[in-house]
Amino acid sequence: EQELEKALSRLGTEFAEKHQEVIEALTRGIVNKILHD
């Protein structure tokens, strides 16, 4: 959550909401896959 917040703040307000949702899902997926095994 902390790293995602930093990345989104650098991308600025013009970054579309739908893109934020994609990145949110991407980072969650990475965390889940790393922790699963």
PDB file of all heavy atoms in Angstrom:
ATOM      1  N   GLU A   1       0.824  -1.212   0.000  1.00  0.00           N
ATOM      2  CA  GLU A   1       0.000   0.000   0.000  1.00  0.00           C
ATOM      3  C   GLU A   1       0.862   1.267   0.000  1.00  0.00           C
ATOM      4  O   GLU A   1       0.562   2.238  -0.703  1.00  0.00           O
ATOM      5  CB  GLU A   1      -0.919  -0.008   1.223  1.00  0.00           C
ATOM      6  CG  GLU A   1      -2.034  -1.044   1.134  1.00  0.00           C
ATOM      7  CD  GLU A   1      -2.842  -1.134   2.414  1.00  0.00           C
ATOM      8  OE1 GLU A   1      -2.439  -0.494   3.421  1.00  0.00           O
ATOM      9  OE2 GLU A   1      -3.867  -1.845   2.420  1.00  0.00           O
ATOM     10  N   GLN A   2       1.951   1.243   0.776  1.00  0.00           N
ATOM     11  CA  GLN A   2       2.819   2.419   0.852  1.00  0.00           C
ATOM     12  C   GLN A   2       3.499   2.693  -0.491  1.00  0.00           C
ATOM     13  O   GLN A   2       3.545   3.846  -0.960  1.00  0.00           O
ATOM     14  CB  GLN A   2       3.880   2.224   1.941  1.00  0.00           C
ATOM     15  CG  GLN A   2       3.309   2.271   3.358  1.00  0.00           C
ATOM     16  CD  GLN A   2       4.326   1.857   4.409  1.00  0.00           C
ATOM     17  OE1 GLN A   2       5.391   1.303   4.088  1.00  0.00           O
ATOM     18  NE2 GLN A   2       3.999   2.126   5.679  1.00  0.00           N
ATOM     19  N   GLU A   3       4.028   1.647  -1.113  1.00  0.00           N
ATOM     20  CA  GLU A   3       4.725   1.818  -2.393  1.00  0.00           C
ATOM     21  C   GLU A   3       3.747   2.194  -3.497  1.00  0.00           C
ATOM     22  O   GLU A   3       4.087   2.985  -4.391  1.00  0.00           O
ATOM     23  CB  GLU A   3       5.479   0.524  -2.752  1.00  0.00           C
ATOM     24  CG  GLU A   3       6.628   0.183  -1.806  1.00  0.00           C
ATOM     25  CD  GLU A   3       7.623   1.337  -1.692  1.00  0.00           C
ATOM     26  OE1 GLU A   3       8.070   1.862  -2.744  1.00  0.00           O
ATOM     27  OE2 GLU A   3       7.946   1.722  -0.553  1.00  0.00           O
ATOM     28  N   LEU A   4       2.540   1.643  -3.458  1.00  0.00           N
ATOM     29  CA  LEU A   4       1.530   1.998  -4.463  1.00  0.00           C
ATOM     30  C   LEU A   4       1.156   3.469  -4.346  1.00  0.00           C
ATOM     31  O   LEU A   4       1.020   4.182  -5.352  1.00  0.00           O
ATOM     32  CB  LEU A   4       0.289   1.110  -4.282  1.00  0.00           C
ATOM     33  CG  LEU A   4      -0.864   1.374  -5.250  1.00  0.00           C
ATOM     34  CD1 LEU A   4      -0.447   1.155  -6.703  1.00  0.00           C
ATOM     35  CD2 LEU A   4      -2.055   0.476  -4.909  1.00  0.00           C
ATOM     36  N   GLU A   5       1.004   3.930  -3.105  1.00  0.00           N
ATOM     37  CA  GLU A   5       0.646   5.331  -2.887  1.00  0.00           C
ATOM     38  C   GLU A   5       1.730   6.270  -3.430  1.00  0.00           C
ATOM     39  O   GLU A   5       1.435   7.289  -4.070  1.00  0.00           O
ATOM     40  CB  GLU A   5       0.431   5.575  -1.387  1.00  0.00           C
ATOM     41  CG  GLU A   5      -0.104   6.964  -1.072  1.00  0.00           C
ATOM     42  CD  GLU A   5      -0.359   7.162   0.419  1.00  0.00           C
ATOM     43  OE1 GLU A   5      -0.344   6.155   1.168  1.00  0.00           O
ATOM     44  OE2 GLU A   5      -0.566   8.318   0.811  1.00  0.00           O
ATOM     45  N   LYS A   6       3.020   5.921  -3.231  1.00  0.00           N
ATOM     46  CA  LYS A   6       4.128   6.722  -3.747  1.00  0.00           C
ATOM     47  C   LYS A   6       4.078   6.779  -5.274  1.00  0.00           C
ATOM     48  O   LYS A   6       4.235   7.839  -5.889  1.00  0.00           O
ATOM     49  CB  LYS A   6       5.467   6.130  -3.307  1.00  0.00           C
ATOM     50  CG  LYS A   6       5.785   6.318  -1.842  1.00  0.00           C
ATOM     51  CD  LYS A   6       7.135   5.657  -1.535  1.00  0.00           C
ATOM     52  CE  LYS A   6       7.403   5.611  -0.041  1.00  0.00           C
ATOM     53  NZ  LYS A   6       8.665   4.873   0.246  1.00  0.00           N
ATOM     54  N   ALA A   7       3.866   5.594  -5.894  1.00  0.00           N
ATOM     55  CA  ALA A   7       3.865   5.520  -7.357  1.00  0.00           C
ATOM     56  C   ALA A   7       2.724   6.356  -7.942  1.00  0.00           C
ATOM     57  O   ALA A   7       2.917   7.100  -8.919  1.00  0.00           O
ATOM     58  CB  ALA A   7       3.755   4.069  -7.812  1.00  0.00           C
ATOM     59  N   LEU A   8       1.542   6.256  -7.345  1.00  0.00           N
ATOM     60  CA  LEU A   8       0.375   6.995  -7.859  1.00  0.00           C
ATOM     61  C   LEU A   8       0.553   8.508  -7.689  1.00  0.00           C
ATOM     62  O   LEU A   8       0.112   9.290  -8.538  1.00  0.00           O
ATOM     63  CB  LEU A   8      -0.895   6.520  -7.151  1.00  0.00           C
ATOM     64  CG  LEU A   8      -1.350   5.088  -7.478  1.00  0.00           C
ATOM     65  CD1 LEU A   8      -2.546   4.700  -6.625  1.00  0.00           C
ATOM     66  CD2 LEU A   8      -1.685   4.942  -8.968  1.00  0.00           C
ATOM     67  N   SER A   9       1.215   8.905  -6.593  1.00  0.00           N
ATOM     68  CA  SER A   9       1.427  10.339  -6.397  1.00  0.00           C
ATOM     69  C   SER A   9       2.389  10.905  -7.436  1.00  0.00           C
ATOM     70  O   SER A   9       2.248  12.052  -7.869  1.00  0.00           O
ATOM     71  CB  SER A   9       1.953  10.614  -4.987  1.00  0.00           C
ATOM     72  OG  SER A   9       3.248  10.068  -4.830  1.00  0.00           O
ATOM     73  N   ARG A  10       3.368  10.099  -7.874  1.00  0.00           N
ATOM     74  CA  ARG A  10       4.301  10.555  -8.913  1.00  0.00           C
ATOM     75  C   ARG A  10       3.619  10.628 -10.272  1.00  0.00           C
ATOM     76  O   ARG A  10       3.983  11.439 -11.119  1.00  0.00           O
ATOM     77  CB  ARG A  10       5.513   9.613  -8.975  1.00  0.00           C
ATOM     78  CG  ARG A  10       6.465   9.773  -7.802  1.00  0.00           C
ATOM     79  CD  ARG A  10       7.835   9.182  -8.112  1.00  0.00           C
ATOM     80  NE  ARG A  10       7.775   7.746  -8.359  1.00  0.00           N
ATOM     81  CZ  ARG A  10       7.896   6.819  -7.418  1.00  0.00           C
ATOM     82  NH1 ARG A  10       8.080   7.196  -6.157  1.00  0.00           N
ATOM     83  NH2 ARG A  10       7.833   5.542  -7.713  1.00  0.00           N
ATOM     84  N   LEU A  11       2.634   9.745 -10.509  1.00  0.00           N
ATOM     85  CA  LEU A  11       1.947   9.736 -11.801  1.00  0.00           C
ATOM     86  C   LEU A  11       0.998  10.928 -11.956  1.00  0.00           C
ATOM     87  O   LEU A  11       0.605  11.290 -13.066  1.00  0.00           O
ATOM     88  CB  LEU A  11       1.173   8.431 -11.977  1.00  0.00           C
ATOM     89  CG  LEU A  11       2.046   7.177 -12.205  1.00  0.00           C
ATOM     90  CD1 LEU A  11       1.215   5.914 -12.067  1.00  0.00           C
ATOM     91  CD2 LEU A  11       2.713   7.223 -13.573  1.00  0.00           C
ATOM     92  N   GLY A  12       0.586  11.519 -10.848  1.00  0.00           N
ATOM     93  CA  GLY A  12      -0.228  12.728 -10.913  1.00  0.00           C
ATOM     94  C   GLY A  12      -1.710  12.464 -11.034  1.00  0.00           C
ATOM     95  O   GLY A  12      -2.154  11.339 -11.267  1.00  0.00           O
ATOM     96  N   THR A  13      -2.493  13.537 -10.914  1.00  0.00           N
ATOM     97  CA  THR A  13      -3.957  13.406 -10.916  1.00  0.00           C
ATOM     98  C   THR A  13      -4.520  13.058 -12.274  1.00  0.00           C
ATOM     99  O   THR A  13      -5.646  12.567 -12.366  1.00  0.00           O
ATOM    100  CB  THR A  13      -4.585  14.733 -10.445  1.00  0.00           C
ATOM    101  OG1 THR A  13      -4.093  15.798 -11.278  1.00  0.00           O
ATOM    102  CG2 THR A  13      -4.251  15.023  -8.990  1.00  0.00           C
ATOM    103  N   GLU A  14      -3.723  13.341 -13.357  1.00  0.00           N
ATOM    104  CA  GLU A  14      -4.253  13.057 -14.685  1.00  0.00           C
ATOM    105  C   GLU A  14      -4.296  11.552 -14.972  1.00  0.00           C
ATOM    106  O   GLU A  14      -4.892  11.100 -15.950  1.00  0.00           O
ATOM    107  CB  GLU A  14      -3.413  13.774 -15.765  1.00  0.00           C
ATOM    108  CG  GLU A  14      -2.006  13.215 -15.979  1.00  0.00           C
ATOM    109  CD  GLU A  14      -1.006  13.748 -14.962  1.00  0.00           C
ATOM    110  OE1 GLU A  14      -1.418  14.528 -14.061  1.00  0.00           O
ATOM    111  OE2 GLU A  14       0.173  13.376 -15.053  1.00  0.00           O
ATOM    112  N   PHE A  15      -3.644  10.767 -14.081  1.00  0.00           N
ATOM    113  CA  PHE A  15      -3.623   9.321 -14.296  1.00  0.00           C
ATOM    114  C   PHE A  15      -5.048   8.772 -14.100  1.00  0.00           C
ATOM    115  O   PHE A  15      -5.651   8.954 -13.049  1.00  0.00           O
ATOM    116  CB  PHE A  15      -2.654   8.683 -13.302  1.00  0.00           C
ATOM    117  CG  PHE A  15      -2.273   7.266 -13.656  1.00  0.00           C
ATOM    118  CD1 PHE A  15      -1.521   6.987 -14.791  1.00  0.00           C
ATOM    119  CD2 PHE A  15      -2.665   6.207 -12.842  1.00  0.00           C
ATOM    120  CE1 PHE A  15      -1.163   5.687 -15.099  1.00  0.00           C
ATOM    121  CE2 PHE A  15      -2.313   4.910 -13.162  1.00  0.00           C
ATOM    122  CZ  PHE A  15      -1.558   4.654 -14.296  1.00  0.00           C
ATOM    123  N   ALA A  16      -5.577   8.116 -15.083  1.00  0.00           N
ATOM    124  CA  ALA A  16      -6.980   7.696 -15.079  1.00  0.00           C
ATOM    125  C   ALA A  16      -7.283   6.725 -13.940  1.00  0.00           C
ATOM    126  O   ALA A  16      -6.440   5.904 -13.577  1.00  0.00           O
ATOM    127  CB  ALA A  16      -7.338   7.054 -16.420  1.00  0.00           C
ATOM    128  N   GLU A  17      -8.525   6.836 -13.402  1.00  0.00           N
ATOM    129  CA  GLU A  17      -8.939   5.962 -12.293  1.00  0.00           C
ATOM    130  C   GLU A  17      -8.896   4.495 -12.668  1.00  0.00           C
ATOM    131  O   GLU A  17      -8.516   3.643 -11.870  1.00  0.00           O
ATOM    132  CB  GLU A  17     -10.350   6.356 -11.846  1.00  0.00           C
ATOM    133  CG  GLU A  17     -10.763   5.680 -10.535  1.00  0.00           C
ATOM    134  CD  GLU A  17     -12.110   6.162 -10.038  1.00  0.00           C
ATOM    135  OE1 GLU A  17     -12.327   7.399 -10.025  1.00  0.00           O
ATOM    136  OE2 GLU A  17     -12.923   5.291  -9.673  1.00  0.00           O
ATOM    137  N   LYS A  18      -9.265   4.204 -13.923  1.00  0.00           N
ATOM    138  CA  LYS A  18      -9.261   2.784 -14.343  1.00  0.00           C
ATOM    139  C   LYS A  18      -7.846   2.216 -14.358  1.00  0.00           C
ATOM    140  O   LYS A  18      -7.627   1.039 -14.089  1.00  0.00           O
ATOM    141  CB  LYS A  18      -9.917   2.629 -15.710  1.00  0.00           C
ATOM    142  CG  LYS A  18      -9.181   3.279 -16.871  1.00  0.00           C
ATOM    143  CD  LYS A  18      -9.886   2.965 -18.193  1.00  0.00           C
ATOM    144  CE  LYS A  18      -9.121   3.587 -19.374  1.00  0.00           C
ATOM    145  NZ  LYS A  18      -9.774   3.280 -20.654  1.00  0.00           N
ATOM    146  N   HIS A  19      -6.857   3.086 -14.646  1.00  0.00           N
ATOM    147  CA  HIS A  19      -5.471   2.623 -14.612  1.00  0.00           C
ATOM    148  C   HIS A  19      -5.037   2.342 -13.177  1.00  0.00           C
ATOM    149  O   HIS A  19      -4.270   1.418 -12.931  1.00  0.00           O
ATOM    150  CB  HIS A  19      -4.551   3.660 -15.254  1.00  0.00           C
ATOM    151  CG  HIS A  19      -4.807   3.825 -16.726  1.00  0.00           C
ATOM    152  ND1 HIS A  19      -4.631   5.020 -17.387  1.00  0.00           N
ATOM    153  CD2 HIS A  19      -5.261   2.949 -17.656  1.00  0.00           C
ATOM    154  CE1 HIS A  19      -4.944   4.872 -18.657  1.00  0.00           C
ATOM    155  NE2 HIS A  19      -5.331   3.617 -18.845  1.00  0.00           N
ATOM    156  N   GLN A  20      -5.541   3.169 -12.239  1.00  0.00           N
ATOM    157  CA  GLN A  20      -5.225   2.922 -10.830  1.00  0.00           C
ATOM    158  C   GLN A  20      -5.754   1.561 -10.384  1.00  0.00           C
ATOM    159  O   GLN A  20      -5.087   0.832  -9.657  1.00  0.00           O
ATOM    160  CB  GLN A  20      -5.847   4.031  -9.962  1.00  0.00           C
ATOM    161  CG  GLN A  20      -5.209   5.396 -10.145  1.00  0.00           C
ATOM    162  CD  GLN A  20      -5.826   6.422  -9.210  1.00  0.00           C
ATOM    163  OE1 GLN A  20      -6.322   6.072  -8.146  1.00  0.00           O
ATOM    164  NE2 GLN A  20      -5.784   7.684  -9.609  1.00  0.00           N
ATOM    165  N   GLU A  21      -6.946   1.219 -10.842  1.00  0.00           N
ATOM    166  CA  GLU A  21      -7.540  -0.078 -10.487  1.00  0.00           C
ATOM    167  C   GLU A  21      -6.714  -1.227 -11.041  1.00  0.00           C
ATOM    168  O   GLU A  21      -6.526  -2.257 -10.389  1.00  0.00           O
ATOM    169  CB  GLU A  21      -8.975  -0.164 -11.010  1.00  0.00           C
ATOM    170  CG  GLU A  21      -9.938   0.763 -10.288  1.00  0.00           C
ATOM    171  CD  GLU A  21     -11.328   0.754 -10.903  1.00  0.00           C
ATOM    172  OE1 GLU A  21     -11.530   0.021 -11.892  1.00  0.00           O
ATOM    173  OE2 GLU A  21     -12.204   1.482 -10.399  1.00  0.00           O
ATOM    174  N   VAL A  22      -6.180  -1.055 -12.243  1.00  0.00           N
ATOM    175  CA  VAL A  22      -5.343  -2.100 -12.854  1.00  0.00           C
ATOM    176  C   VAL A  22      -4.073  -2.308 -12.039  1.00  0.00           C
ATOM    177  O   VAL A  22      -3.679  -3.446 -11.740  1.00  0.00           O
ATOM    178  CB  VAL A  22      -4.994  -1.738 -14.316  1.00  0.00           C
ATOM    179  CG1 VAL A  22      -3.937  -2.686 -14.869  1.00  0.00           C
ATOM    180  CG2 VAL A  22      -6.243  -1.790 -15.184  1.00  0.00           C
ATOM    181  N   ILE A  23      -3.440  -1.177 -11.655  1.00  0.00           N
ATOM    182  CA  ILE A  23      -2.199  -1.293 -10.877  1.00  0.00           C
ATOM    183  C   ILE A  23      -2.486  -1.874  -9.491  1.00  0.00           C
ATOM    184  O   ILE A  23      -1.710  -2.679  -8.964  1.00  0.00           O
ATOM    185  CB  ILE A  23      -1.507   0.090 -10.769  1.00  0.00           C
ATOM    186  CG1 ILE A  23      -1.006   0.515 -12.147  1.00  0.00           C
ATOM    187  CG2 ILE A  23      -0.356   0.048  -9.779  1.00  0.00           C
ATOM    188  CD1 ILE A  23      -0.338   1.865 -12.177  1.00  0.00           C
ATOM    189  N   GLU A  24      -3.611  -1.483  -8.883  1.00  0.00           N
ATOM    190  CA  GLU A  24      -4.018  -2.052  -7.586  1.00  0.00           C
ATOM    191  C   GLU A  24      -4.138  -3.564  -7.680  1.00  0.00           C
ATOM    192  O   GLU A  24      -3.600  -4.320  -6.856  1.00  0.00           O
ATOM    193  CB  GLU A  24      -5.359  -1.438  -7.159  1.00  0.00           C
ATOM    194  CG  GLU A  24      -5.983  -2.055  -5.916  1.00  0.00           C
ATOM    195  CD  GLU A  24      -5.460  -1.468  -4.621  1.00  0.00           C
ATOM    196  OE1 GLU A  24      -4.943  -0.343  -4.629  1.00  0.00           O
ATOM    197  OE2 GLU A  24      -5.572  -2.175  -3.600  1.00  0.00           O
ATOM    198  N   ALA A  25      -4.848  -4.049  -8.709  1.00  0.00           N
ATOM    199  CA  ALA A  25      -5.034  -5.491  -8.899  1.00  0.00           C
ATOM    200  C   ALA A  25      -3.700  -6.182  -9.182  1.00  0.00           C
ATOM    201  O   ALA A  25      -3.436  -7.289  -8.697  1.00  0.00           O
ATOM    202  CB  ALA A  25      -6.010  -5.743 -10.047  1.00  0.00           C
ATOM    203  N   LEU A  26      -2.852  -5.527  -9.965  1.00  0.00           N
ATOM    204  CA  LEU A  26      -1.538  -6.093 -10.303  1.00  0.00           C
ATOM    205  C   LEU A  26      -0.696  -6.306  -9.051  1.00  0.00           C
ATOM    206  O   LEU A  26      -0.133  -7.389  -8.830  1.00  0.00           O
ATOM    207  CB  LEU A  26      -0.810  -5.150 -11.271  1.00  0.00           C
ATOM    208  CG  LEU A  26       0.655  -5.503 -11.573  1.00  0.00           C
ATOM    209  CD1 LEU A  26       0.744  -6.818 -12.344  1.00  0.00           C
ATOM    210  CD2 LEU A  26       1.332  -4.370 -12.360  1.00  0.00           C
ATOM    211  N   THR A  27      -0.621  -5.256  -8.195  1.00  0.00           N
ATOM    212  CA  THR A  27       0.225  -5.384  -6.997  1.00  0.00           C
ATOM    213  C   THR A  27      -0.345  -6.407  -6.011  1.00  0.00           C
ATOM    214  O   THR A  27       0.413  -7.138  -5.371  1.00  0.00           O
ATOM    215  CB  THR A  27       0.376  -4.010  -6.308  1.00  0.00           C
ATOM    216  OG1 THR A  27      -0.934  -3.482  -6.020  1.00  0.00           O
ATOM    217  CG2 THR A  27       1.134  -3.038  -7.195  1.00  0.00           C
ATOM    218  N   ARG A  28      -1.671  -6.454  -5.892  1.00  0.00           N
ATOM    219  CA  ARG A  28      -2.276  -7.475  -5.025  1.00  0.00           C
ATOM    220  C   ARG A  28      -1.945  -8.872  -5.535  1.00  0.00           C
ATOM    221  O   ARG A  28      -1.641  -9.776  -4.747  1.00  0.00           O
ATOM    222  CB  ARG A  28      -3.798  -7.302  -4.970  1.00  0.00           C
ATOM    223  CG  ARG A  28      -4.283  -6.233  -4.035  1.00  0.00           C
ATOM    224  CD  ARG A  28      -5.794  -6.305  -3.846  1.00  0.00           C
ATOM    225  NE  ARG A  28      -6.272  -5.172  -3.093  1.00  0.00           N
ATOM    226  CZ  ARG A  28      -6.186  -5.058  -1.771  1.00  0.00           C
ATOM    227  NH1 ARG A  28      -5.631  -6.027  -1.076  1.00  0.00           N
ATOM    228  NH2 ARG A  28      -6.658  -3.982  -1.166  1.00  0.00           N
ATOM    229  N   GLY A  29      -2.061  -9.058  -6.833  1.00  0.00           N
ATOM    230  CA  GLY A  29      -1.765 -10.360  -7.429  1.00  0.00           C
ATOM    231  C   GLY A  29      -0.337 -10.794  -7.182  1.00  0.00           C
ATOM    232  O   GLY A  29      -0.066 -11.961  -6.867  1.00  0.00           O
ATOM    233  N   ILE A  30       0.606  -9.851  -7.286  1.00  0.00           N
ATOM    234  CA  ILE A  30       2.017 -10.175  -7.042  1.00  0.00           C
ATOM    235  C   ILE A  30       2.223 -10.609  -5.596  1.00  0.00           C
ATOM    236  O   ILE A  30       2.874 -11.616  -5.314  1.00  0.00           O
ATOM    237  CB  ILE A  30       2.906  -8.950  -7.386  1.00  0.00           C
ATOM    238  CG1 ILE A  30       2.907  -8.704  -8.903  1.00  0.00           C
ATOM    239  CG2 ILE A  30       4.338  -9.164  -6.889  1.00  0.00           C
ATOM    240  CD1 ILE A  30       3.560  -7.398  -9.327  1.00  0.00           C
ATOM    241  N   VAL A  31       1.638  -9.844  -4.660  1.00  0.00           N
ATOM    242  CA  VAL A  31       1.769 -10.185  -3.234  1.00  0.00           C
ATOM    243  C   VAL A  31       1.188 -11.570  -2.950  1.00  0.00           C
ATOM    244  O   VAL A  31       1.806 -12.394  -2.265  1.00  0.00           O
ATOM    245  CB  VAL A  31       1.065  -9.107  -2.370  1.00  0.00           C
ATOM    246  CG1 VAL A  31       0.863  -9.613  -0.941  1.00  0.00           C
ATOM    247  CG2 VAL A  31       1.867  -7.818  -2.365  1.00  0.00           C
ATOM    248  N   ASN A  32      -0.004 -11.844  -3.468  1.00  0.00           N
ATOM    249  CA  ASN A  32      -0.650 -13.144  -3.210  1.00  0.00           C
ATOM    250  C   ASN A  32       0.172 -14.299  -3.753  1.00  0.00           C
ATOM    251  O   ASN A  32       0.292 -15.338  -3.098  1.00  0.00           O
ATOM    252  CB  ASN A  32      -2.053 -13.162  -3.817  1.00  0.00           C
ATOM    253  CG  ASN A  32      -3.025 -12.285  -3.056  1.00  0.00           C
ATOM    254  OD1 ASN A  32      -2.815 -11.990  -1.881  1.00  0.00           O
ATOM    255  ND2 ASN A  32      -4.091 -11.839  -3.717  1.00  0.00           N
ATOM    256  N   LYS A  33       0.732 -14.120  -4.938  1.00  0.00           N
ATOM    257  CA  LYS A  33       1.525 -15.200  -5.550  1.00  0.00           C
ATOM    258  C   LYS A  33       2.824 -15.430  -4.784  1.00  0.00           C
ATOM    259  O   LYS A  33       3.260 -16.564  -4.607  1.00  0.00           O
ATOM    260  CB  LYS A  33       1.805 -14.895  -7.022  1.00  0.00           C
ATOM    261  CG  LYS A  33       0.582 -15.060  -7.923  1.00  0.00           C
ATOM    262  CD  LYS A  33       0.923 -14.871  -9.388  1.00  0.00           C
ATOM    263  CE  LYS A  33      -0.336 -14.962 -10.258  1.00  0.00           C
ATOM    264  NZ  LYS A  33      -0.984 -16.273 -10.160  1.00  0.00           N
ATOM    265  N   ILE A  34       3.440 -14.345  -4.321  1.00  0.00           N
ATOM    266  CA  ILE A  34       4.686 -14.493  -3.555  1.00  0.00           C
ATOM    267  C   ILE A  34       4.424 -15.206  -2.229  1.00  0.00           C
ATOM    268  O   ILE A  34       5.190 -16.065  -1.793  1.00  0.00           O
ATOM    269  CB  ILE A  34       5.327 -13.107  -3.305  1.00  0.00           C
ATOM    270  CG1 ILE A  34       5.877 -12.546  -4.629  1.00  0.00           C
ATOM    271  CG2 ILE A  34       6.444 -13.199  -2.266  1.00  0.00           C
ATOM    272  CD1 ILE A  34       6.356 -11.108  -4.529  1.00  0.00           C
ATOM    273  N   LEU A  35       3.311 -14.880  -1.564  1.00  0.00           N
ATOM    274  CA  LEU A  35       3.023 -15.445  -0.238  1.00  0.00           C
ATOM    275  C   LEU A  35       2.407 -16.844  -0.301  1.00  0.00           C
ATOM    276  O   LEU A  35       2.465 -17.588   0.690  1.00  0.00           O
ATOM    277  CB  LEU A  35       2.071 -14.521   0.528  1.00  0.00           C
ATOM    278  CG  LEU A  35       2.625 -13.160   0.955  1.00  0.00           C
ATOM    279  CD1 LEU A  35       1.548 -12.373   1.673  1.00  0.00           C
ATOM    280  CD2 LEU A  35       3.841 -13.328   1.852  1.00  0.00           C
ATOM    281  N   HIS A  36       1.819 -17.217  -1.435  1.00  0.00           N
ATOM    282  CA  HIS A  36       1.050 -18.459  -1.511  1.00  0.00           C
ATOM    283  C   HIS A  36       1.869 -19.684  -1.117  1.00  0.00           C
ATOM    284  O   HIS A  36       1.501 -20.441  -0.210  1.00  0.00           O
ATOM    285  CB  HIS A  36       0.468 -18.636  -2.922  1.00  0.00           C
ATOM    286  CG  HIS A  36      -0.304 -19.908  -3.070  1.00  0.00           C
ATOM    287  ND1 HIS A  36       0.248 -21.067  -3.591  1.00  0.00           N
ATOM    288  CD2 HIS A  36      -1.583 -20.219  -2.738  1.00  0.00           C
ATOM    289  CE1 HIS A  36      -0.662 -22.025  -3.583  1.00  0.00           C
ATOM    290  NE2 HIS A  36      -1.784 -21.539  -3.078  1.00  0.00           N
ATOM    291  N   ASP A  37       2.990 -19.921  -1.765  1.00  0.00           N
ATOM    292  CA  ASP A  37       3.767 -21.145  -1.499  1.00  0.00           C
ATOM    293  C   ASP A  37       4.298 -21.217  -0.070  1.00  0.00           C
ATOM    294  O   ASP A  37       4.170 -22.260   0.594  1.00  0.00           O
ATOM    295  CB  ASP A  37       4.910 -21.277  -2.504  1.00  0.00           C
ATOM    296  CG  ASP A  37       4.411 -21.720  -3.884  1.00  0.00           C
ATOM    297  OD1 ASP A  37       3.260 -22.195  -3.954  1.00  0.00           O
ATOM    298  OD2 ASP A  37       5.163 -21.603  -4.865  1.00  0.00           O
TER     299      ASP A  37
END
